[in-house]
Amino acid sequence: MNQRGKRKTFIGTVVRNRMDKTAVVEVIKIKKHRKYHKYIRDRVRYMAHDPQNKCEVGDRVKIIETRPLSKRKRWQVIDIIERSEAKGIDLLKEDQDQEQLP
């Protein structure tokens, strides 16, 4: 049986998840300039398949290269490394606002 070749994997941050079963993941790559030897941050956004819609904005996720799933989707979320803290903070603010109402 043939095995798949080595597929690319990246770790990035979810910046958008409004689409069904899709998350936009931003990956920051650090490159060294050829001539000036200065380190440059390169920001790339990938549309990744999220079958269970588990990703939230701000989560750090691991994505892997896969077959084309749509016109722009060629990546899949395989692991949520770190959950976003922002959602918990928003819920706390809502609870505090509810308590202050007469």
Foldseek 3Di string as FASTA:
>chain_A
DDDDDDWDKFKFFFADQPDAQKTKTKGWDWDADPPPRDIDIDIDIAIAGRNVSPDDGGWIFMKIAAPDPDDGYGIYTDGGPGHHCVVVVVVVVVVVVVVPDD
